[in-house]
C-alpha atoms as a PDB file:
ATOM      1  CA  MET A   1      -0.338 -10.462  39.034  1.00  0.00           C
ATOM      2  CA  PRO A   2       1.407 -12.839  36.628  1.00  0.00           C
ATOM      3  CA  VAL A   3       0.529 -10.844  33.508  1.00  0.00           C
ATOM      4  CA  VAL A   4       2.148  -7.678  34.817  1.00  0.00           C
ATOM      5  CA  ARG A   5       5.177  -9.655  36.011  1.00  0.00           C
ATOM      6  CA  ASP A   6       5.566 -11.252  32.555  1.00  0.00           C
ATOM      7  CA  ALA A   7       5.217  -7.893  30.807  1.00  0.00           C
ATOM      8  CA  THR A   8       7.725  -6.287  33.153  1.00  0.00           C
ATOM      9  CA  GLY A   9      10.184  -9.131  32.530  1.00  0.00           C
ATOM     10  CA  ALA A  10       9.804  -8.803  28.768  1.00  0.00           C
ATOM     11  CA  PHE A  11      10.281  -5.039  28.935  1.00  0.00           C
ATOM     12  CA  ARG A  12      13.356  -5.439  31.171  1.00  0.00           C
ATOM     13  CA  SER A  13      14.924  -7.986  28.773  1.00  0.00           C
ATOM     14  CA  LEU A  14      14.284  -5.581  25.912  1.00  0.00           C
ATOM     15  CA  LEU A  15      16.085  -2.776  27.731  1.00  0.00           C
ATOM     16  CA  GLU A  16      19.000  -5.064  28.691  1.00  0.00           C
ATOM     17  CA  THR A  17      19.760  -5.737  25.033  1.00  0.00           C
ATOM     18  CA  PRO A  18      19.880  -2.376  23.250  1.00  0.00           C
ATOM     19  CA  ARG A  19      20.198  -4.060  19.849  1.00  0.00           C
ATOM     20  CA  ARG A  20      16.726  -5.640  20.229  1.00  0.00           C
ATOM     21  CA  ALA A  21      15.276  -2.287  21.263  1.00  0.00           C
ATOM     22  CA  LEU A  22      16.919  -0.577  18.294  1.00  0.00           C
ATOM     23  CA  ASN A  23      15.589  -3.235  15.914  1.00  0.00           C
ATOM     24  CA  LEU A  24      12.114  -2.854  17.350  1.00  0.00           C
ATOM     25  CA  LEU A  25      12.094   0.927  17.197  1.00  0.00           C
ATOM     26  CA  GLY A  26      14.028   1.105  13.942  1.00  0.00           C
ATOM     27  CA  SER A  27      11.571  -1.100  12.099  1.00  0.00           C
ATOM     28  CA  ASN A  28       8.708   0.991  13.424  1.00  0.00           C
ATOM     29  CA  ILE A  29      10.388   4.219  12.291  1.00  0.00           C
ATOM     30  CA  LEU A  30      11.064   2.731   8.848  1.00  0.00           C
ATOM     31  CA  ALA A  31       7.442   1.624   8.527  1.00  0.00           C
ATOM     32  CA  ARG A  32       6.233   5.100   9.524  1.00  0.00           C
ATOM     33  CA  LEU A  33       8.572   6.690   6.982  1.00  0.00           C
ATOM     34  CA  ILE A  34       7.283   4.436   4.201  1.00  0.00           C
ATOM     35  CA  LEU A  35       3.688   5.198   5.159  1.00  0.00           C
ATOM     36  CA  ALA A  36       4.431   8.944   5.134  1.00  0.00           C
ATOM     37  CA  ILE A  37       5.977   8.728   1.658  1.00  0.00           C
ATOM     38  CA  VAL A  38       2.999   6.752   0.347  1.00  0.00           C
ATOM     39  CA  LEU A  39       0.590   9.284   1.879  1.00  0.00           C
ATOM     40  CA  VAL A  40       2.390  12.199   0.217  1.00  0.00           C
ATOM     41  CA  LEU A  41       2.382  10.434  -3.148  1.00  0.00           C
ATOM     42  CA  ILE A  42      -1.327   9.627  -2.809  1.00  0.00           C
ATOM     43  CA  LEU A  43      -2.107  13.255  -2.014  1.00  0.00           C
ATOM     44  CA  VAL A  44      -0.074  14.394  -5.026  1.00  0.00           C
ATOM     45  CA  GLY A  45      -1.916  11.894  -7.209  1.00  0.00           C
ATOM     46  CA  MET A  46      -5.317  13.024  -5.917  1.00  0.00           C
ATOM     47  CA  GLY A  47      -4.594  16.627  -6.820  1.00  0.00           C
ATOM     48  CA  SER A  48      -3.557  15.837 -10.366  1.00  0.00           C
ATOM     49  CA  PRO A  49      -5.580  15.041 -13.484  1.00  0.00           C
ATOM     50  CA  ILE A  50      -6.640  11.404 -13.936  1.00  0.00           C
ATOM     51  CA  PRO A  51      -4.054  10.335 -16.576  1.00  0.00           C
ATOM     52  CA  LEU A  52      -1.213  11.652 -14.435  1.00  0.00           C
ATOM     53  CA  ALA A  53      -2.638  10.024 -11.300  1.00  0.00           C
ATOM     54  CA  THR A  54      -2.828   6.661 -13.048  1.00  0.00           C
ATOM     55  CA  ALA A  55       0.730   6.974 -14.342  1.00  0.00           C
ATOM     56  CA  LEU A  56       1.921   8.128 -10.943  1.00  0.00           C
ATOM     57  CA  ALA A  57       0.278   5.128  -9.286  1.00  0.00           C
ATOM     58  CA  VAL A  58       2.019   2.740 -11.685  1.00  0.00           C
ATOM     59  CA  VAL A  59       5.364   4.454 -11.089  1.00  0.00           C
ATOM     60  CA  VAL A  60       4.951   4.347  -7.307  1.00  0.00           C
ATOM     61  CA  LEU A  61       3.853   0.708  -7.317  1.00  0.00           C
ATOM     62  CA  THR A  62       6.769  -0.224  -9.576  1.00  0.00           C
ATOM     63  CA  ALA A  63       9.250   1.657  -7.392  1.00  0.00           C
ATOM     64  CA  GLY A  64       7.865   0.050  -4.252  1.00  0.00           C
ATOM     65  CA  LEU A  65       8.162  -3.434  -5.689  1.00  0.00           C
ATOM     66  CA  MET A  66      11.677  -2.730  -6.929  1.00  0.00           C
ATOM     67  CA  ALA A  67      12.605  -1.446  -3.464  1.00  0.00           C
ATOM     68  CA  VAL A  68      11.763  -4.826  -1.949  1.00  0.00           C
ATOM     69  CA  GLY A  69      13.812  -6.732  -4.527  1.00  0.00           C
ATOM     70  CA  VAL A  70      11.522  -7.468  -7.483  1.00  0.00           C
ATOM     71  CA  ASP A  71      13.219  -6.982 -10.851  1.00  0.00           C
ATOM     72  CA  GLU A  72      12.174  -4.008 -12.970  1.00  0.00           C
ATOM     73  CA  ASN A  73      10.170  -5.799 -15.689  1.00  0.00           C
ATOM     74  CA  THR A  74       8.238  -7.969 -13.246  1.00  0.00           C
ATOM     75  CA  ALA A  75       7.516  -4.992 -10.981  1.00  0.00           C
ATOM     76  CA  PHE A  76       6.174  -2.923 -13.883  1.00  0.00           C
ATOM     77  CA  ALA A  77       4.029  -5.786 -15.159  1.00  0.00           C
ATOM     78  CA  ALA A  78       2.606  -6.410 -11.690  1.00  0.00           C
ATOM     79  CA  ALA A  79       1.836  -2.703 -11.232  1.00  0.00           C
ATOM     80  CA  VAL A  80       0.046  -2.463 -14.586  1.00  0.00           C
ATOM     81  CA  ILE A  81      -1.950  -5.642 -13.951  1.00  0.00           C
ATOM     82  CA  TYR A  82      -2.895  -4.342 -10.497  1.00  0.00           C
ATOM     83  CA  ARG A  83      -4.120  -1.035 -11.982  1.00  0.00           C
ATOM     84  CA  VAL A  84      -6.118  -2.805 -14.694  1.00  0.00           C
ATOM     85  CA  VAL A  85      -7.773  -5.167 -12.206  1.00  0.00           C
ATOM     86  CA  THR A  86      -8.545  -2.514  -9.589  1.00  0.00           C
ATOM     87  CA  PHE A  87      -9.285   0.521 -11.776  1.00  0.00           C
ATOM     88  CA  TYR A  88     -10.336  -0.341 -15.329  1.00  0.00           C
ATOM     89  CA  LEU A  89     -12.006  -3.728 -14.893  1.00  0.00           C
ATOM     90  CA  PRO A  90     -14.583  -2.542 -12.300  1.00  0.00           C
ATOM     91  CA  SER A  91     -15.459   0.396 -14.566  1.00  0.00           C
ATOM     92  CA  ALA A  92     -16.108  -1.942 -17.487  1.00  0.00           C
ATOM     93  CA  VAL A  93     -18.236  -4.259 -15.345  1.00  0.00           C
ATOM     94  CA  GLY A  94     -20.146  -1.229 -14.048  1.00  0.00           C
ATOM     95  CA  TRP A  95     -20.827  -0.008 -17.582  1.00  0.00           C
ATOM     96  CA  PHE A  96     -22.311  -3.377 -18.559  1.00  0.00           C
ATOM     97  CA  ALA A  97     -24.363  -3.442 -15.354  1.00  0.00           C
ATOM     98  CA  VAL A  98     -25.811   0.013 -16.023  1.00  0.00           C
ATOM     99  CA  ARG A  99     -26.645  -0.928 -19.622  1.00  0.00           C
ATOM    100  CA  TRP A 100     -28.410  -4.092 -18.375  1.00  0.00           C
ATOM    101  CA  GLU A 101     -30.370  -2.098 -15.789  1.00  0.00           C
ATOM    102  CA  GLU A 102     -31.374   0.510 -18.394  1.00  0.00           C
ATOM    103  CA  HIS A 103     -32.510  -2.240 -20.745  1.00  0.00           C
ATOM    104  CA  ARG A 104     -34.645  -3.823 -17.982  1.00  0.00           C
ATOM    105  CA  GLY A 105     -36.112  -0.449 -17.005  1.00  0.00           C
ATOM    106  CA  TYR A 106     -34.559  -0.293 -13.556  1.00  0.00           C
ATOM    107  CA  LEU A 107     -32.858   3.019 -14.378  1.00  0.00           C
END
């Protein structure tokens, strides 16, 4: 079967060059570590009062952007804009929608 032969050849070439295998596994371990840190921070934020959770989200987003090379001011601005667009803006739109539905008698 050509597919199995190709897969076996690719796996063999990966094992012949340990650096490629280390890069492959190392990037996976790093990604898992980042996901674990994000999960812990999300769980901490969920167990805290809303103002702290919002501040924690901005801090985590800013730190994450700074970790990938974005400067501090730009990272903070991007994190605040992200929180406004994803958290506050939908709430405001929802409030206007509920008021419109109450006015029309749907609620």
